[in-house]
Amino acid sequence: MKLNKIHHIAIICSDYERSRDFYVNILGLEVLEETYREERNSYKLDLMVGGEYQVELFSFPESPERISYPEARGLRHLAFEVEDIEAVAAELNNHNVQVEPIRIDPVTGKKFSFFADPDGLPLELYEK
């Protein structure tokens, strides 16, 4: 078996407009397509990260909360590679997004930090 790359990551949000604003206007992901599916009362927003990887943002009425902390099974976090972690963290802080203190990965020696989307989904910044 040969897997080429990650095709997309799907995220279900509780407040579509708030999450759309966060991923598009704060994180700067590019909108590829936005679809309203009337039969499901649901939006599907296709987003591009760095011109390559796709994130799908979904809304569903009354979706249940997912346990995230402590270390529950399932997707742990979504990590974004950045050139300058201090600059990105400062920009997020300017948008009132709290970013944890920057740490050093003991294995790679690279800088990383965590923050959360509007639903508390853990997101990571990882310096290239």
Foldseek 3Di string as FASTA:
>chain_A
DDDDDAAEAEDEDADVVQLCCCVCVQVNWAWDDWDQDVVQRKIWTWTHDPNDHIYIYMYGPPDDADDQPPPDDDDNAAEDEDADVVVSCVSCVVVVWHKDDWDADPVPRWIKIWTAGPSRGIYMYTYD
